[in-house]
N, C-alpha and C. Protein backbone atom coordinates (compact mmCIF):
# COMPACT_ATOMS: atom_id res chain seq x y z
N MET A 1 -1.45 -57.35 47.72
CA MET A 1 -0.78 -57.48 46.41
C MET A 1 0.16 -56.29 46.20
N LYS A 2 1.39 -56.56 45.87
CA LYS A 2 2.37 -55.50 45.70
C LYS A 2 2.22 -54.87 44.32
N LYS A 3 2.17 -53.54 44.32
CA LYS A 3 2.04 -52.83 43.05
C LYS A 3 3.41 -52.68 42.42
N SER A 4 3.44 -52.69 41.09
CA SER A 4 4.70 -52.50 40.39
C SER A 4 5.15 -51.05 40.56
N ALA A 5 6.46 -50.83 40.34
CA ALA A 5 7.02 -49.50 40.58
C ALA A 5 6.38 -48.44 39.70
N ASP A 6 5.99 -48.82 38.47
CA ASP A 6 5.43 -47.83 37.57
C ASP A 6 3.91 -47.71 37.70
N SER A 7 3.33 -48.36 38.70
CA SER A 7 1.89 -48.26 38.87
C SER A 7 1.50 -47.06 39.72
N LYS A 8 2.52 -46.40 40.32
CA LYS A 8 2.25 -45.24 41.14
C LYS A 8 2.69 -43.98 40.39
N PHE A 9 1.87 -42.95 40.47
CA PHE A 9 2.14 -41.74 39.72
C PHE A 9 2.06 -40.53 40.62
N SER A 10 2.97 -39.60 40.41
CA SER A 10 2.85 -38.31 41.09
C SER A 10 1.71 -37.55 40.43
N SER A 11 1.28 -36.48 41.08
CA SER A 11 0.20 -35.69 40.52
C SER A 11 0.57 -35.15 39.15
N SER A 12 1.82 -34.69 39.00
CA SER A 12 2.25 -34.10 37.72
C SER A 12 2.31 -35.14 36.62
N SER A 13 2.85 -36.34 36.92
CA SER A 13 2.92 -37.37 35.88
C SER A 13 1.54 -37.91 35.55
N LEU A 14 0.64 -37.93 36.53
CA LEU A 14 -0.73 -38.36 36.28
C LEU A 14 -1.43 -37.37 35.36
N VAL A 15 -1.18 -36.08 35.57
CA VAL A 15 -1.73 -35.05 34.69
C VAL A 15 -1.32 -35.33 33.24
N GLU A 16 -0.04 -35.63 33.04
CA GLU A 16 0.45 -35.89 31.69
C GLU A 16 -0.23 -37.10 31.06
N ARG A 17 -0.39 -38.16 31.84
CA ARG A 17 -1.02 -39.37 31.31
C ARG A 17 -2.48 -39.13 30.95
N LEU A 18 -3.19 -38.41 31.80
CA LEU A 18 -4.60 -38.13 31.52
C LEU A 18 -4.73 -37.17 30.34
N ARG A 19 -3.83 -36.19 30.27
CA ARG A 19 -3.87 -35.24 29.15
C ARG A 19 -3.64 -35.97 27.83
N GLU A 20 -2.73 -36.94 27.83
CA GLU A 20 -2.47 -37.71 26.62
C GLU A 20 -3.73 -38.41 26.13
N ARG A 21 -4.49 -38.98 27.05
CA ARG A 21 -5.70 -39.70 26.65
C ARG A 21 -6.76 -38.76 26.10
N ILE A 22 -6.80 -37.55 26.64
CA ILE A 22 -7.75 -36.56 26.12
C ILE A 22 -7.29 -36.08 24.75
N THR A 23 -6.01 -35.78 24.64
CA THR A 23 -5.47 -35.24 23.40
C THR A 23 -5.55 -36.23 22.25
N ASP A 24 -5.26 -37.50 22.52
CA ASP A 24 -5.27 -38.46 21.41
C ASP A 24 -6.65 -39.03 21.11
N GLY A 25 -7.66 -38.54 21.85
CA GLY A 25 -9.03 -38.94 21.55
C GLY A 25 -9.50 -40.20 22.25
N THR A 26 -8.63 -40.80 23.09
CA THR A 26 -9.06 -41.97 23.85
C THR A 26 -10.31 -41.64 24.66
N TRP A 27 -10.30 -40.45 25.26
CA TRP A 27 -11.48 -39.95 25.95
C TRP A 27 -12.05 -38.80 25.15
N ALA A 28 -13.20 -38.99 24.56
CA ALA A 28 -13.81 -37.98 23.70
C ALA A 28 -14.38 -36.83 24.54
N PRO A 29 -14.58 -35.67 23.91
CA PRO A 29 -15.22 -34.56 24.62
C PRO A 29 -16.55 -34.99 25.24
N GLY A 30 -16.77 -34.61 26.49
CA GLY A 30 -17.99 -34.97 27.19
C GLY A 30 -17.89 -36.22 28.03
N THR A 31 -16.80 -36.98 27.86
CA THR A 31 -16.62 -38.20 28.63
C THR A 31 -16.48 -37.88 30.12
N GLN A 32 -17.22 -38.60 30.96
CA GLN A 32 -17.07 -38.40 32.40
C GLN A 32 -15.84 -39.18 32.87
N LEU A 33 -15.03 -38.53 33.69
CA LEU A 33 -13.82 -39.13 34.22
C LEU A 33 -14.09 -39.63 35.62
N ARG A 34 -14.11 -40.94 35.78
CA ARG A 34 -14.44 -41.55 37.07
C ARG A 34 -13.21 -41.60 37.96
N GLN A 35 -13.25 -40.82 39.03
CA GLN A 35 -12.12 -40.71 39.94
C GLN A 35 -11.71 -42.06 40.52
N ASP A 36 -12.69 -42.87 40.90
CA ASP A 36 -12.38 -44.15 41.53
C ASP A 36 -11.71 -45.10 40.55
N LEU A 37 -12.19 -45.12 39.30
CA LEU A 37 -11.62 -46.03 38.31
C LEU A 37 -10.20 -45.61 37.92
N ILE A 38 -9.99 -44.30 37.80
CA ILE A 38 -8.65 -43.81 37.45
C ILE A 38 -7.67 -44.09 38.58
N ALA A 39 -8.10 -43.87 39.81
CA ALA A 39 -7.23 -44.15 40.96
C ALA A 39 -6.85 -45.62 41.00
N LYS A 40 -7.82 -46.49 40.73
CA LYS A 40 -7.55 -47.93 40.74
C LYS A 40 -6.60 -48.31 39.63
N GLU A 41 -6.81 -47.78 38.44
CA GLU A 41 -5.97 -48.12 37.30
C GLU A 41 -4.51 -47.74 37.53
N PHE A 42 -4.30 -46.55 38.09
CA PHE A 42 -2.94 -46.06 38.25
C PHE A 42 -2.34 -46.37 39.63
N GLY A 43 -3.10 -47.12 40.44
CA GLY A 43 -2.58 -47.57 41.71
C GLY A 43 -2.26 -46.45 42.67
N THR A 44 -3.17 -45.47 42.73
CA THR A 44 -2.96 -44.34 43.60
C THR A 44 -4.21 -44.04 44.39
N SER A 45 -4.14 -43.08 45.30
CA SER A 45 -5.32 -42.69 46.06
C SER A 45 -6.13 -41.69 45.26
N HIS A 46 -7.27 -41.28 45.80
CA HIS A 46 -8.12 -40.32 45.10
C HIS A 46 -7.53 -38.92 45.10
N ILE A 47 -6.65 -38.64 46.06
CA ILE A 47 -6.13 -37.27 46.19
C ILE A 47 -5.34 -36.82 44.95
N PRO A 48 -4.35 -37.60 44.46
CA PRO A 48 -3.64 -37.19 43.24
C PRO A 48 -4.57 -37.07 42.03
N VAL A 49 -5.60 -37.90 41.98
CA VAL A 49 -6.54 -37.83 40.86
C VAL A 49 -7.32 -36.52 40.92
N ARG A 50 -7.79 -36.16 42.11
CA ARG A 50 -8.51 -34.89 42.25
C ARG A 50 -7.61 -33.71 41.89
N GLU A 51 -6.35 -33.78 42.34
CA GLU A 51 -5.40 -32.71 42.03
C GLU A 51 -5.15 -32.63 40.52
N ALA A 52 -5.08 -33.79 39.88
CA ALA A 52 -4.88 -33.82 38.43
C ALA A 52 -6.07 -33.20 37.71
N PHE A 53 -7.28 -33.50 38.16
CA PHE A 53 -8.47 -32.91 37.56
C PHE A 53 -8.44 -31.39 37.66
N VAL A 54 -8.04 -30.88 38.82
CA VAL A 54 -7.98 -29.43 39.03
C VAL A 54 -6.97 -28.79 38.07
N GLN A 55 -5.81 -29.43 37.92
CA GLN A 55 -4.80 -28.89 37.01
C GLN A 55 -5.26 -28.95 35.56
N LEU A 56 -5.92 -30.03 35.21
CA LEU A 56 -6.43 -30.17 33.84
C LEU A 56 -7.56 -29.19 33.56
N GLN A 57 -8.33 -28.86 34.59
CA GLN A 57 -9.37 -27.85 34.41
C GLN A 57 -8.73 -26.48 34.18
N ALA A 58 -7.67 -26.19 34.92
CA ALA A 58 -6.99 -24.90 34.78
C ALA A 58 -6.40 -24.71 33.39
N SER A 59 -6.01 -25.82 32.76
CA SER A 59 -5.42 -25.73 31.42
C SER A 59 -6.44 -26.00 30.32
N GLY A 60 -7.71 -26.16 30.69
CA GLY A 60 -8.77 -26.24 29.69
C GLY A 60 -9.12 -27.61 29.16
N PHE A 61 -8.53 -28.67 29.74
CA PHE A 61 -8.79 -30.01 29.22
C PHE A 61 -9.96 -30.70 29.91
N VAL A 62 -10.26 -30.27 31.13
CA VAL A 62 -11.32 -30.90 31.92
C VAL A 62 -12.25 -29.83 32.46
N THR A 63 -13.54 -30.17 32.52
CA THR A 63 -14.53 -29.30 33.15
C THR A 63 -15.09 -30.02 34.36
N ILE A 64 -14.98 -29.38 35.53
CA ILE A 64 -15.51 -29.96 36.76
C ILE A 64 -16.87 -29.34 37.05
N VAL A 65 -17.89 -30.19 37.10
CA VAL A 65 -19.26 -29.74 37.34
C VAL A 65 -19.63 -30.09 38.78
N PRO A 66 -19.95 -29.10 39.61
CA PRO A 66 -20.29 -29.39 41.01
C PRO A 66 -21.40 -30.44 41.13
N ASN A 67 -21.18 -31.39 42.02
CA ASN A 67 -22.14 -32.46 42.30
C ASN A 67 -22.33 -33.45 41.15
N ARG A 68 -21.56 -33.29 40.10
CA ARG A 68 -21.67 -34.23 38.98
C ARG A 68 -20.34 -34.91 38.66
N GLY A 69 -19.24 -34.18 38.80
CA GLY A 69 -17.96 -34.79 38.54
C GLY A 69 -17.15 -34.06 37.47
N ALA A 70 -16.12 -34.74 36.99
CA ALA A 70 -15.21 -34.17 35.99
C ALA A 70 -15.50 -34.75 34.62
N PHE A 71 -15.45 -33.89 33.60
CA PHE A 71 -15.74 -34.30 32.24
C PHE A 71 -14.67 -33.74 31.30
N VAL A 72 -14.41 -34.47 30.22
CA VAL A 72 -13.50 -33.96 29.20
C VAL A 72 -14.14 -32.73 28.55
N SER A 73 -13.39 -31.65 28.51
CA SER A 73 -13.93 -30.40 27.97
C SER A 73 -14.28 -30.53 26.49
N SER A 74 -15.28 -29.78 26.09
CA SER A 74 -15.71 -29.79 24.70
C SER A 74 -14.69 -29.08 23.83
N MET A 75 -14.75 -29.32 22.53
CA MET A 75 -13.91 -28.63 21.56
C MET A 75 -14.81 -27.71 20.75
N THR A 76 -14.47 -26.45 20.70
CA THR A 76 -15.35 -25.47 20.06
C THR A 76 -14.61 -24.67 18.99
N THR A 77 -15.38 -24.16 18.05
CA THR A 77 -14.78 -23.31 17.02
C THR A 77 -14.26 -22.01 17.63
N THR A 78 -14.92 -21.56 18.70
CA THR A 78 -14.47 -20.34 19.36
C THR A 78 -13.08 -20.52 19.96
N GLU A 79 -12.88 -21.64 20.65
CA GLU A 79 -11.57 -21.90 21.23
C GLU A 79 -10.52 -22.11 20.14
N ALA A 80 -10.89 -22.82 19.09
CA ALA A 80 -9.95 -23.06 17.99
C ALA A 80 -9.50 -21.74 17.38
N THR A 81 -10.43 -20.81 17.22
CA THR A 81 -10.09 -19.49 16.67
C THR A 81 -9.16 -18.73 17.60
N GLU A 82 -9.47 -18.76 18.90
CA GLU A 82 -8.64 -18.05 19.87
C GLU A 82 -7.22 -18.62 19.90
N LEU A 83 -7.09 -19.93 19.89
CA LEU A 83 -5.77 -20.55 19.90
C LEU A 83 -4.98 -20.18 18.65
N THR A 84 -5.65 -20.14 17.52
CA THR A 84 -4.99 -19.77 16.26
C THR A 84 -4.50 -18.33 16.34
N GLU A 85 -5.33 -17.44 16.84
CA GLU A 85 -4.95 -16.03 16.95
C GLU A 85 -3.76 -15.85 17.90
N MET A 86 -3.77 -16.59 18.99
CA MET A 86 -2.66 -16.50 19.94
C MET A 86 -1.37 -17.05 19.33
N ARG A 87 -1.49 -18.13 18.59
CA ARG A 87 -0.31 -18.69 17.93
C ARG A 87 0.31 -17.68 16.98
N VAL A 88 -0.51 -17.02 16.19
CA VAL A 88 0.02 -16.06 15.22
C VAL A 88 0.85 -14.99 15.92
N VAL A 89 0.29 -14.39 16.94
CA VAL A 89 0.97 -13.29 17.63
C VAL A 89 2.25 -13.76 18.30
N LEU A 90 2.16 -14.83 19.07
CA LEU A 90 3.30 -15.26 19.88
C LEU A 90 4.37 -15.97 19.06
N GLU A 91 3.97 -16.74 18.06
CA GLU A 91 4.98 -17.43 17.26
C GLU A 91 5.74 -16.46 16.36
N LEU A 92 5.07 -15.43 15.88
CA LEU A 92 5.79 -14.43 15.09
C LEU A 92 6.75 -13.64 15.98
N LEU A 93 6.36 -13.41 17.22
CA LEU A 93 7.25 -12.75 18.17
C LEU A 93 8.50 -13.61 18.42
N ALA A 94 8.27 -14.91 18.63
CA ALA A 94 9.39 -15.82 18.86
C ALA A 94 10.28 -15.94 17.63
N LEU A 95 9.66 -16.02 16.46
CA LEU A 95 10.41 -16.13 15.21
C LEU A 95 11.28 -14.90 14.98
N ASP A 96 10.70 -13.73 15.23
CA ASP A 96 11.43 -12.49 15.02
C ASP A 96 12.68 -12.43 15.89
N ALA A 97 12.56 -12.96 17.12
CA ALA A 97 13.69 -12.95 18.04
C ALA A 97 14.70 -14.06 17.74
N ALA A 98 14.24 -15.09 17.05
CA ALA A 98 15.09 -16.28 16.85
C ALA A 98 15.88 -16.26 15.56
N ILE A 99 15.38 -15.59 14.55
CA ILE A 99 15.91 -15.80 13.20
C ILE A 99 17.39 -15.46 13.08
N ASP A 100 17.83 -14.40 13.76
CA ASP A 100 19.24 -14.03 13.66
C ASP A 100 20.15 -14.95 14.48
N GLN A 101 19.57 -15.69 15.40
CA GLN A 101 20.34 -16.59 16.26
C GLN A 101 20.31 -18.04 15.79
N PHE A 102 19.51 -18.30 14.77
CA PHE A 102 19.33 -19.67 14.28
C PHE A 102 20.63 -20.17 13.67
N SER A 103 21.12 -21.30 14.17
CA SER A 103 22.45 -21.78 13.80
C SER A 103 22.39 -22.96 12.83
N ALA A 104 23.55 -23.33 12.35
CA ALA A 104 23.65 -24.50 11.47
C ALA A 104 23.25 -25.76 12.22
N ALA A 105 23.57 -25.82 13.51
CA ALA A 105 23.17 -26.98 14.31
C ALA A 105 21.65 -27.04 14.45
N ASP A 106 21.02 -25.88 14.63
CA ASP A 106 19.56 -25.83 14.69
C ASP A 106 18.95 -26.30 13.37
N GLU A 107 19.55 -25.85 12.27
CA GLU A 107 19.05 -26.26 10.95
C GLU A 107 19.14 -27.77 10.79
N ALA A 108 20.23 -28.37 11.21
CA ALA A 108 20.42 -29.82 11.07
C ALA A 108 19.33 -30.57 11.85
N ILE A 109 19.00 -30.08 13.05
CA ILE A 109 17.95 -30.73 13.84
C ILE A 109 16.60 -30.59 13.14
N ALA A 110 16.31 -29.39 12.64
CA ALA A 110 15.02 -29.15 11.97
C ALA A 110 14.89 -30.02 10.72
N ARG A 111 15.97 -30.12 9.95
CA ARG A 111 15.89 -30.94 8.73
C ARG A 111 15.79 -32.42 9.09
N GLY A 112 16.37 -32.81 10.19
CA GLY A 112 16.22 -34.19 10.64
C GLY A 112 14.78 -34.51 10.99
N ILE A 113 14.11 -33.56 11.61
CA ILE A 113 12.69 -33.74 11.94
C ILE A 113 11.87 -33.87 10.66
N LEU A 114 12.14 -33.01 9.68
CA LEU A 114 11.41 -33.08 8.42
C LEU A 114 11.68 -34.39 7.69
N LYS A 115 12.93 -34.84 7.73
CA LYS A 115 13.27 -36.11 7.09
C LYS A 115 12.50 -37.25 7.72
N ARG A 116 12.39 -37.24 9.04
CA ARG A 116 11.64 -38.27 9.75
C ARG A 116 10.16 -38.24 9.36
N ASP A 117 9.65 -37.03 9.15
CA ASP A 117 8.24 -36.87 8.80
C ASP A 117 7.92 -37.40 7.40
N GLU A 118 8.90 -37.44 6.54
CA GLU A 118 8.67 -37.93 5.18
C GLU A 118 8.16 -39.37 5.18
N ASP A 119 8.61 -40.14 6.16
CA ASP A 119 8.26 -41.56 6.23
C ASP A 119 7.23 -41.87 7.31
N ALA A 120 6.73 -40.83 8.00
CA ALA A 120 5.78 -41.04 9.10
C ALA A 120 4.36 -41.17 8.56
N HIS A 121 3.59 -42.04 9.18
CA HIS A 121 2.20 -42.24 8.74
C HIS A 121 1.23 -42.23 9.92
N GLU A 122 1.72 -42.00 11.11
CA GLU A 122 0.88 -42.03 12.30
C GLU A 122 0.65 -40.62 12.83
N ILE A 123 -0.59 -40.36 13.26
CA ILE A 123 -0.93 -39.05 13.81
C ILE A 123 -0.05 -38.71 15.00
N GLU A 124 0.26 -39.71 15.82
CA GLU A 124 1.09 -39.48 17.01
C GLU A 124 2.45 -38.92 16.61
N HIS A 125 3.03 -39.45 15.54
CA HIS A 125 4.33 -38.98 15.08
C HIS A 125 4.23 -37.56 14.57
N TRP A 126 3.19 -37.26 13.80
CA TRP A 126 3.00 -35.90 13.28
C TRP A 126 2.82 -34.91 14.42
N SER A 127 2.08 -35.33 15.43
CA SER A 127 1.83 -34.46 16.57
C SER A 127 3.13 -34.08 17.27
N ILE A 128 3.96 -35.08 17.54
CA ILE A 128 5.22 -34.83 18.24
C ILE A 128 6.16 -33.99 17.39
N ASP A 129 6.28 -34.35 16.11
CA ASP A 129 7.25 -33.67 15.26
C ASP A 129 6.80 -32.27 14.85
N ASN A 130 5.51 -32.03 14.82
CA ASN A 130 5.03 -30.72 14.41
C ASN A 130 5.53 -29.65 15.39
N TRP A 131 5.29 -29.87 16.68
CA TRP A 131 5.77 -28.90 17.65
C TRP A 131 7.29 -28.92 17.75
N ALA A 132 7.90 -30.10 17.61
CA ALA A 132 9.36 -30.19 17.68
C ALA A 132 10.00 -29.33 16.59
N PHE A 133 9.40 -29.33 15.40
CA PHE A 133 9.94 -28.52 14.30
C PHE A 133 9.87 -27.03 14.64
N HIS A 134 8.69 -26.57 15.05
CA HIS A 134 8.54 -25.16 15.35
C HIS A 134 9.40 -24.76 16.56
N ARG A 135 9.45 -25.64 17.55
CA ARG A 135 10.20 -25.32 18.76
C ARG A 135 11.69 -25.14 18.49
N VAL A 136 12.27 -25.96 17.60
CA VAL A 136 13.70 -25.85 17.33
C VAL A 136 14.03 -24.50 16.71
N ILE A 137 13.07 -23.92 16.00
CA ILE A 137 13.28 -22.57 15.46
C ILE A 137 13.16 -21.54 16.57
N TYR A 138 12.07 -21.62 17.32
CA TYR A 138 11.78 -20.59 18.31
C TYR A 138 12.74 -20.61 19.49
N GLN A 139 13.27 -21.76 19.84
CA GLN A 139 14.13 -21.83 21.02
C GLN A 139 15.44 -21.07 20.80
N ALA A 140 15.77 -20.81 19.54
CA ALA A 140 16.97 -20.01 19.27
C ALA A 140 16.82 -18.58 19.79
N SER A 141 15.59 -18.16 20.06
CA SER A 141 15.35 -16.82 20.59
C SER A 141 15.89 -16.66 22.01
N GLY A 142 15.99 -17.78 22.74
CA GLY A 142 16.44 -17.72 24.11
C GLY A 142 15.40 -17.16 25.07
N LYS A 143 14.17 -16.99 24.60
CA LYS A 143 13.09 -16.43 25.43
C LYS A 143 12.34 -17.56 26.13
N ARG A 144 12.79 -17.89 27.32
CA ARG A 144 12.27 -19.07 28.03
C ARG A 144 10.79 -18.94 28.36
N HIS A 145 10.37 -17.79 28.86
CA HIS A 145 8.98 -17.63 29.26
C HIS A 145 8.05 -17.67 28.05
N LEU A 146 8.49 -17.09 26.95
CA LEU A 146 7.70 -17.14 25.73
C LEU A 146 7.55 -18.58 25.25
N LEU A 147 8.64 -19.34 25.31
CA LEU A 147 8.59 -20.74 24.88
C LEU A 147 7.66 -21.56 25.78
N GLU A 148 7.68 -21.28 27.08
CA GLU A 148 6.80 -22.00 28.01
C GLU A 148 5.34 -21.70 27.70
N THR A 149 5.05 -20.44 27.37
CA THR A 149 3.68 -20.06 27.02
C THR A 149 3.25 -20.74 25.73
N LEU A 150 4.13 -20.75 24.74
CA LEU A 150 3.81 -21.42 23.48
C LEU A 150 3.60 -22.91 23.67
N GLU A 151 4.40 -23.51 24.54
CA GLU A 151 4.25 -24.95 24.83
C GLU A 151 2.85 -25.24 25.37
N ALA A 152 2.38 -24.38 26.28
CA ALA A 152 1.04 -24.56 26.85
C ALA A 152 -0.04 -24.40 25.79
N ILE A 153 0.13 -23.44 24.91
CA ILE A 153 -0.84 -23.23 23.83
C ILE A 153 -0.84 -24.43 22.89
N TRP A 154 0.33 -24.96 22.60
CA TRP A 154 0.41 -26.11 21.71
C TRP A 154 -0.24 -27.34 22.30
N ARG A 155 -0.16 -27.50 23.61
CA ARG A 155 -0.82 -28.65 24.23
C ARG A 155 -2.32 -28.59 23.99
N LYS A 156 -2.89 -27.40 24.08
CA LYS A 156 -4.32 -27.25 23.84
C LYS A 156 -4.64 -27.41 22.35
N THR A 157 -3.80 -26.83 21.52
CA THR A 157 -4.03 -26.87 20.07
C THR A 157 -3.92 -28.28 19.53
N ASP A 158 -3.10 -29.11 20.17
CA ASP A 158 -2.85 -30.46 19.67
C ASP A 158 -4.14 -31.26 19.51
N ARG A 159 -5.09 -31.06 20.42
CA ARG A 159 -6.38 -31.77 20.32
C ARG A 159 -7.05 -31.47 18.98
N TYR A 160 -6.97 -30.23 18.59
CA TYR A 160 -7.61 -29.80 17.35
C TYR A 160 -6.81 -30.22 16.12
N LEU A 161 -5.48 -30.10 16.23
CA LEU A 161 -4.65 -30.46 15.09
C LEU A 161 -4.74 -31.95 14.76
N ARG A 162 -5.00 -32.78 15.77
CA ARG A 162 -5.14 -34.21 15.49
C ARG A 162 -6.36 -34.47 14.61
N LEU A 163 -7.38 -33.64 14.73
CA LEU A 163 -8.52 -33.74 13.81
C LEU A 163 -8.06 -33.40 12.39
N VAL A 164 -7.21 -32.39 12.30
CA VAL A 164 -6.70 -31.97 10.99
C VAL A 164 -5.88 -33.09 10.37
N TRP A 165 -5.03 -33.72 11.16
CA TRP A 165 -4.14 -34.74 10.62
C TRP A 165 -4.86 -36.03 10.24
N GLN A 166 -6.11 -36.15 10.66
CA GLN A 166 -6.90 -37.28 10.17
C GLN A 166 -7.20 -37.11 8.68
N LEU A 167 -7.09 -35.86 8.22
CA LEU A 167 -7.20 -35.59 6.79
C LEU A 167 -5.79 -35.70 6.23
N GLN A 168 -5.39 -36.88 5.82
CA GLN A 168 -3.99 -37.12 5.48
C GLN A 168 -3.50 -36.24 4.34
N ARG A 169 -4.42 -35.77 3.51
CA ARG A 169 -4.01 -34.89 2.42
C ARG A 169 -3.40 -33.60 2.95
N TYR A 170 -3.79 -33.22 4.17
CA TYR A 170 -3.26 -31.97 4.72
C TYR A 170 -1.83 -32.12 5.19
N GLN A 171 -1.41 -33.32 5.58
CA GLN A 171 -0.07 -33.49 6.11
C GLN A 171 0.97 -33.15 5.04
N SER A 172 0.72 -33.50 3.79
CA SER A 172 1.69 -33.18 2.74
C SER A 172 1.78 -31.66 2.54
N ILE A 173 0.65 -30.98 2.70
CA ILE A 173 0.64 -29.52 2.59
C ILE A 173 1.44 -28.91 3.73
N SER A 174 1.19 -29.40 4.95
CA SER A 174 1.91 -28.90 6.12
C SER A 174 3.41 -29.14 5.99
N PHE A 175 3.79 -30.30 5.47
CA PHE A 175 5.20 -30.62 5.29
C PHE A 175 5.86 -29.63 4.35
N ALA A 176 5.21 -29.34 3.24
CA ALA A 176 5.77 -28.39 2.26
C ALA A 176 5.89 -26.99 2.86
N GLU A 177 4.91 -26.62 3.68
CA GLU A 177 4.96 -25.31 4.32
C GLU A 177 6.10 -25.24 5.34
N HIS A 178 6.32 -26.32 6.08
CA HIS A 178 7.43 -26.36 7.03
C HIS A 178 8.77 -26.19 6.30
N LEU A 179 8.90 -26.86 5.17
CA LEU A 179 10.14 -26.79 4.41
C LEU A 179 10.40 -25.36 3.92
N ALA A 180 9.34 -24.69 3.43
CA ALA A 180 9.47 -23.32 2.95
C ALA A 180 9.83 -22.37 4.09
N ILE A 181 9.22 -22.58 5.26
CA ILE A 181 9.52 -21.74 6.42
C ILE A 181 10.99 -21.91 6.81
N LEU A 182 11.45 -23.15 6.86
CA LEU A 182 12.84 -23.41 7.25
C LEU A 182 13.82 -22.77 6.28
N ASP A 183 13.54 -22.88 5.00
CA ASP A 183 14.42 -22.28 3.99
C ASP A 183 14.50 -20.76 4.18
N ALA A 184 13.37 -20.13 4.49
CA ALA A 184 13.36 -18.68 4.70
C ALA A 184 14.14 -18.31 5.96
N VAL A 185 14.01 -19.12 7.01
CA VAL A 185 14.74 -18.85 8.25
C VAL A 185 16.24 -18.99 8.02
N VAL A 186 16.64 -20.03 7.32
CA VAL A 186 18.07 -20.26 7.04
C VAL A 186 18.64 -19.11 6.21
N ALA A 187 17.84 -18.58 5.30
CA ALA A 187 18.27 -17.47 4.44
C ALA A 187 18.22 -16.13 5.16
N ARG A 188 17.77 -16.13 6.43
CA ARG A 188 17.61 -14.91 7.22
C ARG A 188 16.64 -13.93 6.54
N ASP A 189 15.69 -14.49 5.80
CA ASP A 189 14.67 -13.66 5.14
C ASP A 189 13.52 -13.48 6.11
N ARG A 190 13.65 -12.49 6.96
CA ARG A 190 12.70 -12.28 8.05
C ARG A 190 11.27 -12.07 7.53
N ARG A 191 11.14 -11.25 6.52
CA ARG A 191 9.79 -10.95 6.01
C ARG A 191 9.13 -12.21 5.46
N ALA A 192 9.85 -12.99 4.66
CA ALA A 192 9.27 -14.21 4.08
C ALA A 192 8.97 -15.23 5.18
N ALA A 193 9.88 -15.38 6.13
CA ALA A 193 9.68 -16.36 7.20
C ALA A 193 8.42 -16.04 8.01
N LYS A 194 8.23 -14.77 8.33
CA LYS A 194 7.06 -14.38 9.11
C LYS A 194 5.78 -14.50 8.28
N ARG A 195 5.87 -14.15 7.00
CA ARG A 195 4.69 -14.27 6.14
C ARG A 195 4.28 -15.73 5.99
N LEU A 196 5.24 -16.60 5.76
CA LEU A 196 4.96 -18.02 5.58
C LEU A 196 4.44 -18.66 6.86
N THR A 197 5.02 -18.27 7.99
CA THR A 197 4.58 -18.83 9.28
C THR A 197 3.16 -18.40 9.59
N LYS A 198 2.85 -17.14 9.38
CA LYS A 198 1.49 -16.63 9.62
C LYS A 198 0.48 -17.36 8.73
N ALA A 199 0.82 -17.52 7.45
CA ALA A 199 -0.09 -18.21 6.54
C ALA A 199 -0.25 -19.68 6.94
N HIS A 200 0.82 -20.29 7.39
CA HIS A 200 0.80 -21.70 7.82
C HIS A 200 -0.12 -21.89 9.02
N ILE A 201 -0.01 -21.02 10.01
CA ILE A 201 -0.85 -21.13 11.20
C ILE A 201 -2.31 -20.86 10.86
N GLU A 202 -2.57 -19.84 10.07
CA GLU A 202 -3.95 -19.49 9.72
C GLU A 202 -4.60 -20.57 8.86
N ALA A 203 -3.82 -21.17 7.96
CA ALA A 203 -4.37 -22.25 7.13
C ALA A 203 -4.75 -23.45 7.99
N ALA A 204 -3.89 -23.78 8.97
CA ALA A 204 -4.21 -24.87 9.88
C ALA A 204 -5.47 -24.55 10.68
N GLY A 205 -5.61 -23.27 11.06
CA GLY A 205 -6.81 -22.85 11.79
C GLY A 205 -8.07 -23.05 11.00
N MET A 206 -8.01 -22.76 9.72
CA MET A 206 -9.19 -22.95 8.85
C MET A 206 -9.54 -24.43 8.72
N VAL A 207 -8.52 -25.26 8.57
CA VAL A 207 -8.78 -26.71 8.45
C VAL A 207 -9.31 -27.25 9.77
N MET A 208 -8.84 -26.70 10.91
CA MET A 208 -9.36 -27.10 12.21
C MET A 208 -10.86 -26.83 12.29
N GLN A 209 -11.27 -25.66 11.80
CA GLN A 209 -12.69 -25.31 11.81
C GLN A 209 -13.49 -26.30 10.95
N ASP A 210 -12.96 -26.61 9.76
CA ASP A 210 -13.64 -27.56 8.87
C ASP A 210 -13.74 -28.94 9.51
N ALA A 211 -12.65 -29.36 10.17
CA ALA A 211 -12.64 -30.68 10.81
C ALA A 211 -13.66 -30.75 11.94
N LEU A 212 -13.80 -29.67 12.70
CA LEU A 212 -14.79 -29.64 13.78
C LEU A 212 -16.20 -29.76 13.21
N ARG A 213 -16.45 -29.08 12.12
CA ARG A 213 -17.78 -29.16 11.50
C ARG A 213 -18.07 -30.56 10.99
N GLU A 214 -17.04 -31.21 10.42
CA GLU A 214 -17.23 -32.57 9.93
C GLU A 214 -17.56 -33.53 11.07
N VAL A 215 -16.85 -33.37 12.19
CA VAL A 215 -17.09 -34.22 13.36
C VAL A 215 -18.51 -34.05 13.87
N ARG A 216 -18.99 -32.83 13.90
CA ARG A 216 -20.34 -32.57 14.40
C ARG A 216 -21.41 -33.13 13.48
N GLN A 217 -21.11 -33.21 12.19
CA GLN A 217 -22.09 -33.69 11.24
C GLN A 217 -22.08 -35.21 11.12
N SER A 218 -21.01 -35.85 11.62
CA SER A 218 -20.89 -37.31 11.49
C SER A 218 -21.72 -38.04 12.53
């Protein structure tokens, strides 16, 4: 039987597909990942699947247990706290470098993202646009390595933020905070922009902790 062209995946694209399923909750923490079933589904051999598991373990999404197999990594308050702390330090560094370079074109893109969010009701949309909003500000810094590091942190944080966005009341709060941050950046008010960004990240961190506790109690 001939496989369709999109049934074959490189190791890197397979990593992305598996990460998406972990991040969006399709595979809950603790789920065992069956190498044979994944290979069959994606029309590939076991080798790319094993390589994908190793890469996902390196980035914290999968835990490989000797003689038992690969499992979706757990979500912990300790990790949530660490990710929040890293975001504060690195995002303020990026913001500080970006604010003087932030252009009218950058502002138009950021406001377009916020406008799109006004009518969005799906967690997937919030997830994509949340990082897109912050990234359009930080990329003005021109610091490629810093942006790559932040991108990796955001991929891990996304699992936790999706728990937060299940509390739809929080999305309106986050939207208002994004708008205030953007206004401060446009005004070149460095102190206000950094203060608002720090408060925004820390508030999300607190809600992440609450969401984790709710999940454990349910």
